[in-house]
Amino acid sequence: MIALTLVAFVASIGLFRLVPQQFFPASGRLELMVDLKLTEGASLKATEAEVQRLEALLKDRVGIDNYVAYVGTGSPRFYLPLDQQCRQRVSPSSSCSPTASSRAKRCAAG
């Protein structure tokens, strides 16, 4: 019985390399993260001013569709990007959500 257990264990180690190892699925979306650091002791107001300068540079750049800034707080620790694109609507109830199938159908319908 112990020999059978050892054989099964060794076989499982050998077969483990065939199991795909990926924490998050790959995303086809290009993205760049920027950490903006000021000198030690800089105020949040000074940091916000520098972020606004950076956003002004990014605003009119060709190829940049979206950007987000976090000042005074950190970004989400885990981020799983969804490459889901919908037309923007005026109504807040028609947001595109992968968990709400009726909303997703409305987004897909255009």
C-alpha atoms as a PDB file:
ATOM      1  CA  MET A   1       0.000   0.000   0.000  1.00  0.00           C
ATOM      2  CA  ILE A   2       2.827   2.433   0.826  1.00  0.00           C
ATOM      3  CA  ALA A   3       4.560   1.577  -2.470  1.00  0.00           C
ATOM      4  CA  LEU A   4       1.375   2.392  -4.404  1.00  0.00           C
ATOM      5  CA  THR A   5       1.115   5.727  -2.589  1.00  0.00           C
ATOM      6  CA  LEU A   6       4.735   6.577  -3.435  1.00  0.00           C
ATOM      7  CA  VAL A   7       4.225   5.657  -7.102  1.00  0.00           C
ATOM      8  CA  ALA A   8       1.108   7.853  -7.255  1.00  0.00           C
ATOM      9  CA  PHE A   9       2.997  10.718  -5.593  1.00  0.00           C
ATOM     10  CA  VAL A  10       5.959  10.505  -7.987  1.00  0.00           C
ATOM     11  CA  ALA A  11       3.598  10.256 -10.974  1.00  0.00           C
ATOM     12  CA  SER A  12       1.664  13.317  -9.815  1.00  0.00           C
ATOM     13  CA  ILE A  13       4.885  15.338  -9.552  1.00  0.00           C
ATOM     14  CA  GLY A  14       5.821  14.298 -13.094  1.00  0.00           C
ATOM     15  CA  LEU A  15       2.382  15.208 -14.444  1.00  0.00           C
ATOM     16  CA  PHE A  16       2.229  18.528 -12.592  1.00  0.00           C
ATOM     17  CA  ARG A  17       4.214  20.243 -15.360  1.00  0.00           C
ATOM     18  CA  LEU A  18       1.259  19.653 -17.704  1.00  0.00           C
ATOM     19  CA  VAL A  19      -1.075  21.758 -15.534  1.00  0.00           C
ATOM     20  CA  PRO A  20      -1.336  25.369 -16.806  1.00  0.00           C
ATOM     21  CA  GLN A  21      -0.089  27.813 -14.187  1.00  0.00           C
ATOM     22  CA  GLN A  22      -1.639  31.238 -14.553  1.00  0.00           C
ATOM     23  CA  PHE A  23      -3.067  33.401 -11.786  1.00  0.00           C
ATOM     24  CA  PHE A  24      -4.882  35.909 -14.017  1.00  0.00           C
ATOM     25  CA  PRO A  25      -5.755  35.435 -17.671  1.00  0.00           C
ATOM     26  CA  ALA A  26      -3.666  37.381 -20.167  1.00  0.00           C
ATOM     27  CA  SER A  27      -5.038  40.719 -21.294  1.00  0.00           C
ATOM     28  CA  GLY A  28      -4.707  42.028 -24.814  1.00  0.00           C
ATOM     29  CA  ARG A  29      -5.011  45.603 -23.581  1.00  0.00           C
ATOM     30  CA  LEU A  30      -1.879  47.751 -23.474  1.00  0.00           C
ATOM     31  CA  GLU A  31      -1.414  49.650 -20.252  1.00  0.00           C
ATOM     32  CA  LEU A  32       1.272  51.578 -18.446  1.00  0.00           C
ATOM     33  CA  MET A  33       1.509  52.341 -14.739  1.00  0.00           C
ATOM     34  CA  VAL A  34       3.294  55.474 -13.519  1.00  0.00           C
ATOM     35  CA  ASP A  35       4.360  56.091  -9.922  1.00  0.00           C
ATOM     36  CA  LEU A  36       4.769  59.815  -9.335  1.00  0.00           C
ATOM     37  CA  LYS A  37       6.884  60.510  -6.259  1.00  0.00           C
ATOM     38  CA  LEU A  38       7.638  63.909  -4.832  1.00  0.00           C
ATOM     39  CA  THR A  39      10.284  64.768  -2.253  1.00  0.00           C
ATOM     40  CA  GLU A  40       9.721  63.561   1.265  1.00  0.00           C
ATOM     41  CA  GLY A  41       7.349  65.812   3.183  1.00  0.00           C
ATOM     42  CA  ALA A  42       5.463  67.061   0.102  1.00  0.00           C
ATOM     43  CA  SER A  43       1.834  67.832   0.843  1.00  0.00           C
ATOM     44  CA  LEU A  44      -1.129  66.128  -0.754  1.00  0.00           C
ATOM     45  CA  LYS A  45      -1.999  69.471  -2.340  1.00  0.00           C
ATOM     46  CA  ALA A  46       1.432  69.638  -4.028  1.00  0.00           C
ATOM     47  CA  THR A  47       1.081  66.022  -5.136  1.00  0.00           C
ATOM     48  CA  GLU A  48      -2.370  66.739  -6.552  1.00  0.00           C
ATOM     49  CA  ALA A  49      -0.956  69.712  -8.497  1.00  0.00           C
ATOM     50  CA  GLU A  50       1.757  67.521 -10.040  1.00  0.00           C
ATOM     51  CA  VAL A  51      -0.799  64.853 -10.922  1.00  0.00           C
ATOM     52  CA  GLN A  52      -2.931  67.486 -12.636  1.00  0.00           C
ATOM     53  CA  ARG A  53       0.124  68.569 -14.661  1.00  0.00           C
ATOM     54  CA  LEU A  54       0.693  64.952 -15.714  1.00  0.00           C
ATOM     55  CA  GLU A  55      -2.985  64.527 -16.596  1.00  0.00           C
ATOM     56  CA  ALA A  56      -2.803  67.676 -18.742  1.00  0.00           C
ATOM     57  CA  LEU A  57       0.047  66.066 -20.693  1.00  0.00           C
ATOM     58  CA  LEU A  58      -1.883  62.817 -21.117  1.00  0.00           C
ATOM     59  CA  LYS A  59      -5.245  64.395 -21.971  1.00  0.00           C
ATOM     60  CA  ASP A  60      -4.540  65.164 -25.627  1.00  0.00           C
ATOM     61  CA  ARG A  61      -2.061  62.380 -26.419  1.00  0.00           C
ATOM     62  CA  VAL A  62      -3.046  60.193 -29.351  1.00  0.00           C
ATOM     63  CA  GLY A  63      -3.497  56.550 -28.370  1.00  0.00           C
ATOM     64  CA  ILE A  64      -4.395  57.194 -24.731  1.00  0.00           C
ATOM     65  CA  ASP A  65      -8.031  56.285 -24.226  1.00  0.00           C
ATOM     66  CA  ASN A  66      -8.220  56.387 -20.442  1.00  0.00           C
ATOM     67  CA  TYR A  67      -6.176  57.228 -17.375  1.00  0.00           C
ATOM     68  CA  VAL A  68      -6.789  57.254 -13.648  1.00  0.00           C
ATOM     69  CA  ALA A  69      -4.914  58.812 -10.734  1.00  0.00           C
ATOM     70  CA  TYR A  70      -4.863  57.963  -7.040  1.00  0.00           C
ATOM     71  CA  VAL A  71      -3.667  60.718  -4.708  1.00  0.00           C
ATOM     72  CA  GLY A  72      -3.674  60.124  -0.974  1.00  0.00           C
ATOM     73  CA  THR A  73      -4.695  56.501  -1.375  1.00  0.00           C
ATOM     74  CA  GLY A  74      -3.375  53.452  -3.136  1.00  0.00           C
ATOM     75  CA  SER A  75      -4.669  51.846  -6.278  1.00  0.00           C
ATOM     76  CA  PRO A  76      -6.613  48.589  -6.027  1.00  0.00           C
ATOM     77  CA  ARG A  77      -4.272  45.831  -4.918  1.00  0.00           C
ATOM     78  CA  PHE A  78      -5.520  43.315  -7.466  1.00  0.00           C
ATOM     79  CA  TYR A  79      -6.739  44.468 -10.821  1.00  0.00           C
ATOM     80  CA  LEU A  80      -8.196  42.152 -13.435  1.00  0.00           C
ATOM     81  CA  PRO A  81      -8.721  44.156 -16.596  1.00  0.00           C
ATOM     82  CA  LEU A  82     -11.750  43.386 -18.703  1.00  0.00           C
ATOM     83  CA  ASP A  83     -11.516  44.200 -22.373  1.00  0.00           C
ATOM     84  CA  GLN A  84     -15.224  44.983 -22.502  1.00  0.00           C
ATOM     85  CA  GLN A  85     -16.136  48.087 -24.453  1.00  0.00           C
ATOM     86  CA  CYS A  86     -19.580  49.634 -24.653  1.00  0.00           C
ATOM     87  CA  ARG A  87     -20.964  52.864 -25.954  1.00  0.00           C
ATOM     88  CA  GLN A  88     -21.248  55.399 -23.176  1.00  0.00           C
ATOM     89  CA  ARG A  89     -24.814  56.082 -22.136  1.00  0.00           C
ATOM     90  CA  VAL A  90     -26.374  58.928 -20.176  1.00  0.00           C
ATOM     91  CA  SER A  91     -28.443  56.721 -17.863  1.00  0.00           C
ATOM     92  CA  PRO A  92     -26.485  55.442 -14.817  1.00  0.00           C
ATOM     93  CA  SER A  93     -28.580  52.253 -14.774  1.00  0.00           C
ATOM     94  CA  SER A  94     -27.246  51.131 -18.157  1.00  0.00           C
ATOM     95  CA  SER A  95     -23.675  50.521 -17.091  1.00  0.00           C
ATOM     96  CA  CYS A  96     -21.784  47.624 -18.586  1.00  0.00           C
ATOM     97  CA  SER A  97     -21.336  44.944 -15.945  1.00  0.00           C
ATOM     98  CA  PRO A  98     -20.089  41.382 -16.582  1.00  0.00           C
ATOM     99  CA  THR A  99     -22.209  40.092 -13.696  1.00  0.00           C
ATOM    100  CA  ALA A 100     -25.486  41.631 -14.816  1.00  0.00           C
ATOM    101  CA  SER A 101     -26.450  39.729 -17.939  1.00  0.00           C
ATOM    102  CA  SER A 102     -29.379  41.982 -18.815  1.00  0.00           C
ATOM    103  CA  ARG A 103     -27.148  45.053 -18.715  1.00  0.00           C
ATOM    104  CA  ALA A 104     -24.459  43.271 -20.721  1.00  0.00           C
ATOM    105  CA  LYS A 105     -27.039  42.370 -23.353  1.00  0.00           C
ATOM    106  CA  ARG A 106     -28.117  46.027 -23.571  1.00  0.00           C
ATOM    107  CA  CYS A 107     -24.473  47.066 -23.982  1.00  0.00           C
ATOM    108  CA  ALA A 108     -23.894  44.420 -26.646  1.00  0.00           C
ATOM    109  CA  ALA A 109     -27.024  45.487 -28.503  1.00  0.00           C
ATOM    110  CA  GLY A 110     -25.652  49.019 -28.696  1.00  0.00           C
END
